Amino acid sequence: MSNFQKMYDSSLSKIKNNWLSVVRECELNWDHIDGSAIEYELAVKKCRTLSMKTFGLGTPCQSNFRDNVRIVFPYRSFGNIDTVNLFHFDEIRLFALYSLLSSTYKKFTDVGANVGLHSIYVSQLGYEVNAFEPDPIHINWFKENLRLNNLMHDIKIHPNAISNRSGTSNFTRVCGNTTGSHLEGAKINAYGVLNTFEVAIETLKKDHIENSVVKIDAEGEEVKILTSLSANLFDNSCFFVEVSSSHNSLLLFDYFKKSNISCYSQKNKWRKIKSSKDMPRSYKDGLILISNDERLKTIGKNFS
């Protein structure tokens, strides 16, 4: 049998044209999907087509993802991209891990919550959710999404950005892609029309970290956030972090190596990061998982 034929005997080739199938295969095979395989690219295209069909402009904008998860998510434009982009195959792979971790962790902290997709998903898995989002446009859409999903009383929205201090800061809204908006100075390559206004900022509190899954999509602020935390906070929590640049990638690698905190790379099938080459350099390389929690060993051999 050729390598090509073997590849199509794998789990990704079993994905059907519905979200239930995508989620099921991702949950069953979360730790060994090869992001470089041809089948991965086909799965990405399949999810794109499925997203346009179920959440695109003029569609029903709702679907079941699991027996206990149904998402109602109206179409919104963020400039050059839209809500269809939020249902990328890699996001569904992350949802699969949230599901696996829901028996271990009781709380979920969503830093850079955007319009609430991750928060809405995990709330239906049983997590207690705190979501942080500073952009008032996104917050209004987030609140409407909570209403449509009957979760108004289940998710707490904090209208703040997270950083390494409390107070206020200027916030840069990237009008051509508001999902890339950021605290002033966090990015050096902002483009197009920019709006700047003041937002409240705060640090992550101990209560938002302990026994929690913490997702951080802070558009360049991730180094300040993570290096401001006590190392022992990683002992009973699990962080999923988007790394925004090569510079931040190296800073985080050096910090966690020096602090003896374990990191795992999505681009390398969630294997432990041993050198800076294993680190993602941008959002295109997937996330890192950061944790010293011994309970992760029950999830998979990667964390032992």
C-alpha atoms as a PDB file:
ATOM      1  CA  MET A   1       0.000   0.000   0.000  1.00  0.00           C
ATOM      2  CA  SER A   2       1.380   3.424  -0.915  1.00  0.00           C
ATOM      3  CA  ASN A   3       1.934   6.202   1.639  1.00  0.00           C
ATOM      4  CA  PHE A   4      -0.818   8.132  -0.131  1.00  0.00           C
ATOM      5  CA  GLN A   5      -3.284   5.261   0.400  1.00  0.00           C
ATOM      6  CA  LYS A   6      -2.211   4.822   4.019  1.00  0.00           C
ATOM      7  CA  MET A   7      -2.807   8.512   4.619  1.00  0.00           C
ATOM      8  CA  TYR A   8      -6.402   8.229   3.485  1.00  0.00           C
ATOM      9  CA  ASP A   9      -7.042   5.359   5.881  1.00  0.00           C
ATOM     10  CA  SER A  10      -6.487   7.785   8.764  1.00  0.00           C
ATOM     11  CA  SER A  11      -9.015   9.624  10.900  1.00  0.00           C
ATOM     12  CA  LEU A  12      -9.191  12.850   8.902  1.00  0.00           C
ATOM     13  CA  SER A  13     -10.436  11.008   5.846  1.00  0.00           C
ATOM     14  CA  LYS A  14     -13.446   9.892   7.924  1.00  0.00           C
ATOM     15  CA  ILE A  15     -14.692  13.438   8.473  1.00  0.00           C
ATOM     16  CA  LYS A  16     -18.140  13.939   6.977  1.00  0.00           C
ATOM     17  CA  ASN A  17     -19.818  17.162   5.917  1.00  0.00           C
ATOM     18  CA  ASN A  18     -21.172  18.074   9.335  1.00  0.00           C
ATOM     19  CA  TRP A  19     -19.722  19.575  12.503  1.00  0.00           C
ATOM     20  CA  LEU A  20     -20.611  16.550  14.652  1.00  0.00           C
ATOM     21  CA  SER A  21     -18.285  14.416  12.529  1.00  0.00           C
ATOM     22  CA  VAL A  22     -15.469  16.980  12.577  1.00  0.00           C
ATOM     23  CA  VAL A  23     -15.601  17.337  16.363  1.00  0.00           C
ATOM     24  CA  ARG A  24     -15.849  13.589  16.944  1.00  0.00           C
ATOM     25  CA  GLU A  25     -12.745  12.799  14.891  1.00  0.00           C
ATOM     26  CA  CYS A  26     -10.803  15.661  16.487  1.00  0.00           C
ATOM     27  CA  GLU A  27     -11.662  14.425  19.972  1.00  0.00           C
ATOM     28  CA  LEU A  28     -10.662  10.863  19.128  1.00  0.00           C
ATOM     29  CA  ASN A  29      -7.390  11.879  17.453  1.00  0.00           C
ATOM     30  CA  TRP A  30      -6.396  15.134  19.156  1.00  0.00           C
ATOM     31  CA  ASP A  31      -2.728  14.179  19.637  1.00  0.00           C
ATOM     32  CA  HIS A  32      -1.694  12.748  16.269  1.00  0.00           C
ATOM     33  CA  ILE A  33      -3.163  14.831  13.471  1.00  0.00           C
ATOM     34  CA  ASP A  34      -0.318  15.799  11.149  1.00  0.00           C
ATOM     35  CA  GLY A  35      -0.648  19.434  10.146  1.00  0.00           C
ATOM     36  CA  SER A  36       1.640  18.959   7.156  1.00  0.00           C
ATOM     37  CA  ALA A  37      -0.336  16.127   5.535  1.00  0.00           C
ATOM     38  CA  ILE A  38      -2.383  16.576   2.379  1.00  0.00           C
ATOM     39  CA  GLU A  39      -5.397  15.292   4.270  1.00  0.00           C
ATOM     40  CA  TYR A  40      -5.014  18.128   6.771  1.00  0.00           C
ATOM     41  CA  GLU A  41      -5.331  20.659   3.959  1.00  0.00           C
ATOM     42  CA  LEU A  42      -8.434  18.859   2.740  1.00  0.00           C
ATOM     43  CA  ALA A  43      -9.883  18.953   6.259  1.00  0.00           C
ATOM     44  CA  VAL A  44      -9.217  22.701   6.412  1.00  0.00           C
ATOM     45  CA  LYS A  45     -11.036  23.194   3.106  1.00  0.00           C
ATOM     46  CA  LYS A  46     -13.894  20.981   4.256  1.00  0.00           C
ATOM     47  CA  CYS A  47     -14.311  23.048   7.423  1.00  0.00           C
ATOM     48  CA  ARG A  48     -14.184  26.253   5.403  1.00  0.00           C
ATOM     49  CA  THR A  49     -16.944  25.006   3.114  1.00  0.00           C
ATOM     50  CA  LEU A  50     -18.955  23.772   6.087  1.00  0.00           C
ATOM     51  CA  SER A  51     -18.506  27.088   7.902  1.00  0.00           C
ATOM     52  CA  MET A  52     -19.695  29.076   4.877  1.00  0.00           C
ATOM     53  CA  LYS A  53     -22.710  26.760   4.586  1.00  0.00           C
ATOM     54  CA  THR A  54     -23.713  26.960   8.250  1.00  0.00           C
ATOM     55  CA  PHE A  55     -22.417  30.359   9.448  1.00  0.00           C
ATOM     56  CA  GLY A  56     -21.984  32.436   6.283  1.00  0.00           C
ATOM     57  CA  LEU A  57     -24.030  35.443   5.242  1.00  0.00           C
ATOM     58  CA  GLY A  58     -27.630  34.418   4.611  1.00  0.00           C
ATOM     59  CA  THR A  59     -27.314  30.983   6.254  1.00  0.00           C
ATOM     60  CA  PRO A  60     -29.106  29.671   9.381  1.00  0.00           C
ATOM     61  CA  CYS A  61     -26.003  30.553  11.464  1.00  0.00           C
ATOM     62  CA  GLN A  62     -26.505  27.676  13.884  1.00  0.00           C
ATOM     63  CA  SER A  63     -25.377  24.073  14.199  1.00  0.00           C
ATOM     64  CA  ASN A  64     -24.815  21.189  16.600  1.00  0.00           C
ATOM     65  CA  PHE A  65     -21.186  20.400  17.404  1.00  0.00           C
ATOM     66  CA  ARG A  66     -21.718  17.743  20.063  1.00  0.00           C
ATOM     67  CA  ASP A  67     -24.778  16.196  21.642  1.00  0.00           C
ATOM     68  CA  ASN A  68     -24.477  18.829  24.374  1.00  0.00           C
ATOM     69  CA  VAL A  69     -23.176  21.763  22.307  1.00  0.00           C
ATOM     70  CA  ARG A  70     -25.289  23.790  19.886  1.00  0.00           C
ATOM     71  CA  ILE A  71     -23.961  27.130  18.650  1.00  0.00           C
ATOM     72  CA  VAL A  72     -26.069  30.014  17.369  1.00  0.00           C
ATOM     73  CA  PHE A  73     -23.645  32.508  15.848  1.00  0.00           C
ATOM     74  CA  PRO A  74     -24.895  35.278  13.525  1.00  0.00           C
ATOM     75  CA  TYR A  75     -22.721  36.427  10.664  1.00  0.00           C
ATOM     76  CA  ARG A  76     -20.493  39.416  11.452  1.00  0.00           C
ATOM     77  CA  SER A  77     -17.777  41.187   9.489  1.00  0.00           C
ATOM     78  CA  PHE A  78     -14.532  42.193  11.200  1.00  0.00           C
ATOM     79  CA  GLY A  79     -13.250  44.040   8.129  1.00  0.00           C
ATOM     80  CA  ASN A  80     -11.292  41.837   5.744  1.00  0.00           C
ATOM     81  CA  ILE A  81     -12.386  38.669   7.552  1.00  0.00           C
ATOM     82  CA  ASP A  82     -15.649  37.546   9.114  1.00  0.00           C
ATOM     83  CA  THR A  83     -17.149  35.049  11.552  1.00  0.00           C
ATOM     84  CA  VAL A  84     -16.763  32.264   8.974  1.00  0.00           C
ATOM     85  CA  ASN A  85     -13.009  32.429   9.632  1.00  0.00           C
ATOM     86  CA  LEU A  86     -13.537  31.678  13.318  1.00  0.00           C
ATOM     87  CA  PHE A  87     -14.536  28.079  12.532  1.00  0.00           C
ATOM     88  CA  HIS A  88     -11.157  27.055  11.125  1.00  0.00           C
ATOM     89  CA  PHE A  89     -10.231  23.385  11.501  1.00  0.00           C
ATOM     90  CA  ASP A  90      -7.515  24.270  14.033  1.00  0.00           C
ATOM     91  CA  GLU A  91     -10.129  25.951  16.240  1.00  0.00           C
ATOM     92  CA  ILE A  92     -12.223  22.777  16.210  1.00  0.00           C
ATOM     93  CA  ARG A  93      -9.128  20.797  17.182  1.00  0.00           C
ATOM     94  CA  LEU A  94      -8.766  23.136  20.150  1.00  0.00           C
ATOM     95  CA  PHE A  95     -12.428  22.653  21.065  1.00  0.00           C
ATOM     96  CA  ALA A  96     -11.690  18.929  21.201  1.00  0.00           C
ATOM     97  CA  LEU A  97      -9.057  19.489  23.869  1.00  0.00           C
ATOM     98  CA  TYR A  98     -11.401  21.735  25.842  1.00  0.00           C
ATOM     99  CA  SER A  99     -13.815  18.813  25.922  1.00  0.00           C
ATOM    100  CA  LEU A 100     -11.161  16.344  27.087  1.00  0.00           C
ATOM    101  CA  LEU A 101     -10.047  18.737  29.827  1.00  0.00           C
ATOM    102  CA  SER A 102     -13.557  19.464  31.104  1.00  0.00           C
ATOM    103  CA  SER A 103     -13.426  16.530  33.508  1.00  0.00           C
ATOM    104  CA  THR A 104     -10.229  17.927  35.073  1.00  0.00           C
ATOM    105  CA  TYR A 105     -10.835  21.671  35.167  1.00  0.00           C
ATOM    106  CA  LYS A 106     -13.978  23.476  36.282  1.00  0.00           C
ATOM    107  CA  LYS A 107     -13.260  27.021  35.121  1.00  0.00           C
ATOM    108  CA  PHE A 108     -12.361  28.662  31.812  1.00  0.00           C
ATOM    109  CA  THR A 109     -10.777  32.096  31.409  1.00  0.00           C
ATOM    110  CA  ASP A 110     -11.014  33.609  27.933  1.00  0.00           C
ATOM    111  CA  VAL A 111      -8.470  36.405  27.410  1.00  0.00           C
ATOM    112  CA  GLY A 112      -9.171  38.178  24.142  1.00  0.00           C
ATOM    113  CA  ALA A 113     -12.648  36.713  23.875  1.00  0.00           C
ATOM    114  CA  ASN A 114     -13.604  38.556  20.678  1.00  0.00           C
ATOM    115  CA  VAL A 115     -17.339  37.893  20.164  1.00  0.00           C
ATOM    116  CA  GLY A 116     -17.418  34.851  22.411  1.00  0.00           C
ATOM    117  CA  LEU A 117     -17.173  31.694  20.307  1.00  0.00           C
ATOM    118  CA  HIS A 118     -14.789  29.845  22.647  1.00  0.00           C
ATOM    119  CA  SER A 119     -16.663  31.021  25.745  1.00  0.00           C
ATOM    120  CA  ILE A 120     -20.017  29.902  24.354  1.00  0.00           C
ATOM    121  CA  TYR A 121     -18.631  26.506  23.369  1.00  0.00           C
ATOM    122  CA  VAL A 122     -16.985  25.700  26.696  1.00  0.00           C
ATOM    123  CA  SER A 123     -19.875  26.997  28.777  1.00  0.00           C
ATOM    124  CA  GLN A 124     -21.975  24.221  27.273  1.00  0.00           C
ATOM    125  CA  LEU A 125     -19.281  21.737  28.309  1.00  0.00           C
ATOM    126  CA  GLY A 126     -19.878  22.751  31.933  1.00  0.00           C
ATOM    127  CA  TYR A 127     -17.103  25.270  32.540  1.00  0.00           C
ATOM    128  CA  GLU A 128     -17.603  28.384  34.666  1.00  0.00           C
ATOM    129  CA  VAL A 129     -16.514  31.112  32.234  1.00  0.00           C
ATOM    130  CA  ASN A 130     -14.888  34.514  32.714  1.00  0.00           C
ATOM    131  CA  ALA A 131     -14.288  36.363  29.438  1.00  0.00           C
ATOM    132  CA  PHE A 132     -12.116  39.442  28.923  1.00  0.00           C
ATOM    133  CA  GLU A 133     -12.651  41.667  25.873  1.00  0.00           C
ATOM    134  CA  PRO A 134     -11.874  45.404  25.689  1.00  0.00           C
ATOM    135  CA  ASP A 135     -13.426  46.392  22.328  1.00  0.00           C
ATOM    136  CA  PRO A 136     -16.947  47.768  22.917  1.00  0.00           C
ATOM    137  CA  ILE A 137     -18.096  46.709  19.429  1.00  0.00           C
ATOM    138  CA  HIS A 138     -17.063  43.124  20.100  1.00  0.00           C
ATOM    139  CA  ILE A 139     -18.620  43.251  23.561  1.00  0.00           C
ATOM    140  CA  ASN A 140     -22.003  44.281  22.144  1.00  0.00           C
ATOM    141  CA  TRP A 141     -21.898  41.427  19.614  1.00  0.00           C
ATOM    142  CA  PHE A 142     -20.744  39.057  22.357  1.00  0.00           C
ATOM    143  CA  LYS A 143     -23.736  40.001  24.524  1.00  0.00           C
ATOM    144  CA  GLU A 144     -26.101  39.423  21.608  1.00  0.00           C
ATOM    145  CA  ASN A 145     -24.516  36.009  21.036  1.00  0.00           C
ATOM    146  CA  LEU A 146     -25.057  35.144  24.690  1.00  0.00           C
ATOM    147  CA  ARG A 147     -28.716  36.087  24.382  1.00  0.00           C
ATOM    148  CA  LEU A 148     -29.165  33.938  21.274  1.00  0.00           C
ATOM    149  CA  ASN A 149     -27.542  30.971  23.007  1.00  0.00           C
ATOM    150  CA  ASN A 150     -29.469  31.437  26.280  1.00  0.00           C
ATOM    151  CA  LEU A 151     -26.220  31.982  28.201  1.00  0.00           C
ATOM    152  CA  MET A 152     -26.767  35.518  29.518  1.00  0.00           C
ATOM    153  CA  HIS A 153     -26.370  34.330  33.122  1.00  0.00           C
ATOM    154  CA  ASP A 154     -23.685  31.707  32.520  1.00  0.00           C
ATOM    155  CA  ILE A 155     -20.744  33.749  31.205  1.00  0.00           C
ATOM    156  CA  LYS A 156     -19.281  36.827  32.878  1.00  0.00           C
ATOM    157  CA  ILE A 157     -17.896  39.423  30.472  1.00  0.00           C
ATOM    158  CA  HIS A 158     -15.158  41.707  31.794  1.00  0.00           C
ATOM    159  CA  PRO A 159     -14.844  44.802  29.535  1.00  0.00           C
ATOM    160  CA  ASN A 160     -11.090  44.969  30.091  1.00  0.00           C
ATOM    161  CA  ALA A 161      -7.827  44.008  28.481  1.00  0.00           C
ATOM    162  CA  ILE A 162      -5.328  41.852  30.381  1.00  0.00           C
ATOM    163  CA  SER A 163      -1.731  42.948  30.886  1.00  0.00           C
ATOM    164  CA  ASN A 164       0.929  42.980  33.617  1.00  0.00           C
ATOM    165  CA  ARG A 165      -0.587  45.902  35.521  1.00  0.00           C
ATOM    166  CA  SER A 166      -3.928  47.441  36.391  1.00  0.00           C
ATOM    167  CA  GLY A 167      -5.113  50.863  35.252  1.00  0.00           C
ATOM    168  CA  THR A 168      -5.744  52.167  31.759  1.00  0.00           C
ATOM    169  CA  SER A 169      -3.999  51.956  28.405  1.00  0.00           C
ATOM    170  CA  ASN A 170      -4.544  53.067  24.838  1.00  0.00           C
ATOM    171  CA  PHE A 171      -6.090  50.413  22.624  1.00  0.00           C
ATOM    172  CA  THR A 172      -5.596  50.247  18.860  1.00  0.00           C
ATOM    173  CA  ARG A 173      -8.545  49.008  16.823  1.00  0.00           C
ATOM    174  CA  VAL A 174      -7.417  47.664  13.440  1.00  0.00           C
ATOM    175  CA  CYS A 175     -10.443  48.574  11.335  1.00  0.00           C
ATOM    176  CA  GLY A 176      -9.477  46.250   8.490  1.00  0.00           C
ATOM    177  CA  ASN A 177      -9.375  43.275  10.860  1.00  0.00           C
ATOM    178  CA  THR A 178     -10.675  43.973  14.339  1.00  0.00           C
ATOM    179  CA  THR A 179      -9.666  40.481  15.498  1.00  0.00           C
ATOM    180  CA  GLY A 180      -6.091  41.846  15.342  1.00  0.00           C
ATOM    181  CA  SER A 181      -6.745  44.898  17.539  1.00  0.00           C
ATOM    182  CA  HIS A 182      -4.327  45.282  20.441  1.00  0.00           C
ATOM    183  CA  LEU A 183      -3.003  47.352  23.292  1.00  0.00           C
ATOM    184  CA  GLU A 184      -0.871  50.206  22.020  1.00  0.00           C
ATOM    185  CA  GLY A 185       2.742  49.107  21.569  1.00  0.00           C
ATOM    186  CA  ALA A 186       1.992  45.375  21.579  1.00  0.00           C
ATOM    187  CA  LYS A 187       2.463  45.185  17.806  1.00  0.00           C
ATOM    188  CA  ILE A 188       4.784  47.047  15.478  1.00  0.00           C
ATOM    189  CA  ASN A 189       3.160  46.057  12.199  1.00  0.00           C
ATOM    190  CA  ALA A 190      -0.387  47.377  12.564  1.00  0.00           C
ATOM    191  CA  TYR A 191      -1.821  48.246   9.150  1.00  0.00           C
ATOM    192  CA  GLY A 192      -4.622  50.186   7.477  1.00  0.00           C
ATOM    193  CA  VAL A 193      -7.075  52.478   9.240  1.00  0.00           C
ATOM    194  CA  LEU A 194      -6.483  52.526  13.009  1.00  0.00           C
ATOM    195  CA  ASN A 195      -8.650  53.918  15.789  1.00  0.00           C
ATOM    196  CA  THR A 196      -7.103  54.517  19.206  1.00  0.00           C
ATOM    197  CA  PHE A 197      -9.025  54.891  22.446  1.00  0.00           C
ATOM    198  CA  GLU A 198      -8.519  54.271  26.151  1.00  0.00           C
ATOM    199  CA  VAL A 199      -9.516  50.994  27.815  1.00  0.00           C
ATOM    200  CA  ALA A 200      -9.291  49.564  31.308  1.00  0.00           C
ATOM    201  CA  ILE A 201      -6.598  46.961  31.885  1.00  0.00           C
ATOM    202  CA  GLU A 202      -6.017  44.517  34.715  1.00  0.00           C
ATOM    203  CA  THR A 203      -3.874  41.547  35.660  1.00  0.00           C
ATOM    204  CA  LEU A 204      -5.048  37.951  35.753  1.00  0.00           C
ATOM    205  CA  LYS A 205      -6.240  37.174  39.253  1.00  0.00           C
ATOM    206  CA  LYS A 206      -5.408  33.962  41.091  1.00  0.00           C
ATOM    207  CA  ASP A 207      -9.075  32.976  41.032  1.00  0.00           C
ATOM    208  CA  HIS A 208      -9.090  33.192  37.216  1.00  0.00           C
ATOM    209  CA  ILE A 209      -6.138  30.787  36.988  1.00  0.00           C
ATOM    210  CA  GLU A 210      -6.408  28.105  39.669  1.00  0.00           C
ATOM    211  CA  ASN A 211      -8.119  24.925  38.465  1.00  0.00           C
ATOM    212  CA  SER A 212      -8.755  26.683  35.152  1.00  0.00           C
ATOM    213  CA  VAL A 213      -8.175  26.367  31.459  1.00  0.00           C
ATOM    214  CA  VAL A 214      -6.888  29.765  30.361  1.00  0.00           C
ATOM    215  CA  LYS A 215      -7.002  30.759  26.688  1.00  0.00           C
ATOM    216  CA  ILE A 216      -4.856  33.788  25.807  1.00  0.00           C
ATOM    217  CA  ASP A 217      -5.212  35.508  22.453  1.00  0.00           C
ATOM    218  CA  ALA A 218      -3.841  38.891  23.450  1.00  0.00           C
ATOM    219  CA  GLU A 219      -2.328  40.071  20.154  1.00  0.00           C
ATOM    220  CA  GLY A 220       1.234  40.686  21.314  1.00  0.00           C
ATOM    221  CA  GLU A 221       0.601  41.173  25.039  1.00  0.00           C
ATOM    222  CA  GLU A 222       1.182  37.494  25.881  1.00  0.00           C
ATOM    223  CA  VAL A 223       4.762  37.946  27.127  1.00  0.00           C
ATOM    224  CA  LYS A 224       3.802  40.630  29.641  1.00  0.00           C
ATOM    225  CA  ILE A 225       0.846  38.599  30.864  1.00  0.00           C
ATOM    226  CA  LEU A 226       2.637  35.278  31.298  1.00  0.00           C
ATOM    227  CA  THR A 227       5.910  36.555  32.756  1.00  0.00           C
ATOM    228  CA  SER A 228       3.997  38.507  35.403  1.00  0.00           C
ATOM    229  CA  LEU A 229       2.517  35.314  36.884  1.00  0.00           C
ATOM    230  CA  SER A 230       3.996  33.304  39.752  1.00  0.00           C
ATOM    231  CA  ALA A 231       5.444  30.005  38.544  1.00  0.00           C
ATOM    232  CA  ASN A 232       3.332  27.982  40.979  1.00  0.00           C
ATOM    233  CA  LEU A 233       0.152  29.152  39.228  1.00  0.00           C
ATOM    234  CA  PHE A 234       1.028  26.770  36.380  1.00  0.00           C
ATOM    235  CA  ASP A 235       0.880  23.783  38.763  1.00  0.00           C
ATOM    236  CA  ASN A 236      -2.906  23.419  38.707  1.00  0.00           C
ATOM    237  CA  SER A 237      -3.917  25.176  35.508  1.00  0.00           C
ATOM    238  CA  CYS A 238      -3.589  24.800  31.759  1.00  0.00           C
ATOM    239  CA  PHE A 239      -2.870  27.697  29.395  1.00  0.00           C
ATOM    240  CA  PHE A 240      -3.463  27.785  25.645  1.00  0.00           C
ATOM    241  CA  VAL A 241      -1.585  30.735  24.174  1.00  0.00           C
ATOM    242  CA  GLU A 242      -1.282  32.259  20.729  1.00  0.00           C
ATOM    243  CA  VAL A 243       2.250  33.568  20.115  1.00  0.00           C
ATOM    244  CA  SER A 244       2.202  36.675  17.958  1.00  0.00           C
ATOM    245  CA  SER A 245       5.797  37.001  16.711  1.00  0.00           C
ATOM    246  CA  SER A 246       9.234  35.395  16.484  1.00  0.00           C
ATOM    247  CA  HIS A 247      10.489  37.888  19.068  1.00  0.00           C
ATOM    248  CA  ASN A 248       7.827  36.909  21.582  1.00  0.00           C
ATOM    249  CA  SER A 249       8.399  33.236  20.787  1.00  0.00           C
ATOM    250  CA  LEU A 250      12.040  33.436  21.868  1.00  0.00           C
ATOM    251  CA  LEU A 251      11.232  35.487  24.979  1.00  0.00           C
ATOM    252  CA  LEU A 252       8.661  32.953  26.121  1.00  0.00           C
ATOM    253  CA  PHE A 253      10.889  29.964  25.383  1.00  0.00           C
ATOM    254  CA  ASP A 254      13.733  31.449  27.442  1.00  0.00           C
ATOM    255  CA  TYR A 255      11.394  32.405  30.287  1.00  0.00           C
ATOM    256  CA  PHE A 256       9.706  29.024  30.613  1.00  0.00           C
ATOM    257  CA  LYS A 257      12.974  27.129  30.267  1.00  0.00           C
ATOM    258  CA  LYS A 258      14.534  29.224  33.030  1.00  0.00           C
ATOM    259  CA  SER A 259      11.405  28.820  35.197  1.00  0.00           C
ATOM    260  CA  ASN A 260      11.189  25.050  34.568  1.00  0.00           C
ATOM    261  CA  ILE A 261       7.643  25.321  33.259  1.00  0.00           C
ATOM    262  CA  SER A 262       6.575  22.754  30.656  1.00  0.00           C
ATOM    263  CA  CYS A 263       5.270  23.823  27.236  1.00  0.00           C
ATOM    264  CA  TYR A 264       3.778  21.784  24.399  1.00  0.00           C
ATOM    265  CA  SER A 265       3.397  22.724  20.736  1.00  0.00           C
ATOM    266  CA  GLN A 266       0.260  22.279  18.663  1.00  0.00           C
ATOM    267  CA  LYS A 267       2.302  22.353  15.450  1.00  0.00           C
ATOM    268  CA  ASN A 268       4.236  19.326  16.732  1.00  0.00           C
ATOM    269  CA  LYS A 269       1.191  17.223  17.743  1.00  0.00           C
ATOM    270  CA  TRP A 270       1.267  18.679  21.273  1.00  0.00           C
ATOM    271  CA  ARG A 271       4.687  17.225  22.019  1.00  0.00           C
ATOM    272  CA  LYS A 272       6.837  18.844  24.675  1.00  0.00           C
ATOM    273  CA  ILE A 273       8.886  21.810  23.499  1.00  0.00           C
ATOM    274  CA  LYS A 274      12.583  21.069  23.875  1.00  0.00           C
ATOM    275  CA  SER A 275      14.181  23.804  21.792  1.00  0.00           C
ATOM    276  CA  SER A 276      13.237  27.218  20.441  1.00  0.00           C
ATOM    277  CA  LYS A 277      12.710  25.596  17.024  1.00  0.00           C
ATOM    278  CA  ASP A 278       9.668  23.797  18.442  1.00  0.00           C
ATOM    279  CA  MET A 279       7.989  27.101  19.296  1.00  0.00           C
ATOM    280  CA  PRO A 280       5.385  28.726  17.041  1.00  0.00           C
ATOM    281  CA  ARG A 281       6.451  32.024  15.472  1.00  0.00           C
ATOM    282  CA  SER A 282       2.963  33.343  14.722  1.00  0.00           C
ATOM    283  CA  TYR A 283      -0.695  32.373  14.855  1.00  0.00           C
ATOM    284  CA  LYS A 284      -0.157  30.347  11.667  1.00  0.00           C
ATOM    285  CA  ASP A 285       1.934  27.832  13.639  1.00  0.00           C
ATOM    286  CA  GLY A 286      -0.808  27.024  16.153  1.00  0.00           C
ATOM    287  CA  LEU A 287      -0.811  27.475  19.912  1.00  0.00           C
ATOM    288  CA  ILE A 288       1.344  26.449  22.840  1.00  0.00           C
ATOM    289  CA  LEU A 289      -0.011  24.638  25.879  1.00  0.00           C
ATOM    290  CA  ILE A 290       1.684  25.684  29.127  1.00  0.00           C
ATOM    291  CA  SER A 291       1.272  23.680  32.320  1.00  0.00           C
ATOM    292  CA  ASN A 292       3.058  21.847  35.118  1.00  0.00           C
ATOM    293  CA  ASP A 293      -0.171  20.184  36.229  1.00  0.00           C
ATOM    294  CA  GLU A 294       0.373  16.484  36.959  1.00  0.00           C
ATOM    295  CA  ARG A 295      -3.270  15.794  36.119  1.00  0.00           C
ATOM    296  CA  LEU A 296      -2.525  16.297  32.429  1.00  0.00           C
ATOM    297  CA  LYS A 297      -0.881  12.885  32.417  1.00  0.00           C
ATOM    298  CA  THR A 298      -4.363  11.353  32.512  1.00  0.00           C
ATOM    299  CA  ILE A 299      -5.235  13.150  29.241  1.00  0.00           C
ATOM    300  CA  GLY A 300      -2.450  11.689  27.119  1.00  0.00           C
ATOM    301  CA  LYS A 301       1.081  10.298  27.035  1.00  0.00           C
ATOM    302  CA  ASN A 302       2.364  13.558  25.525  1.00  0.00           C
ATOM    303  CA  PHE A 303       2.078  15.170  28.971  1.00  0.00           C
ATOM    304  CA  SER A 304       3.804  12.453  30.988  1.00  0.00           C
END
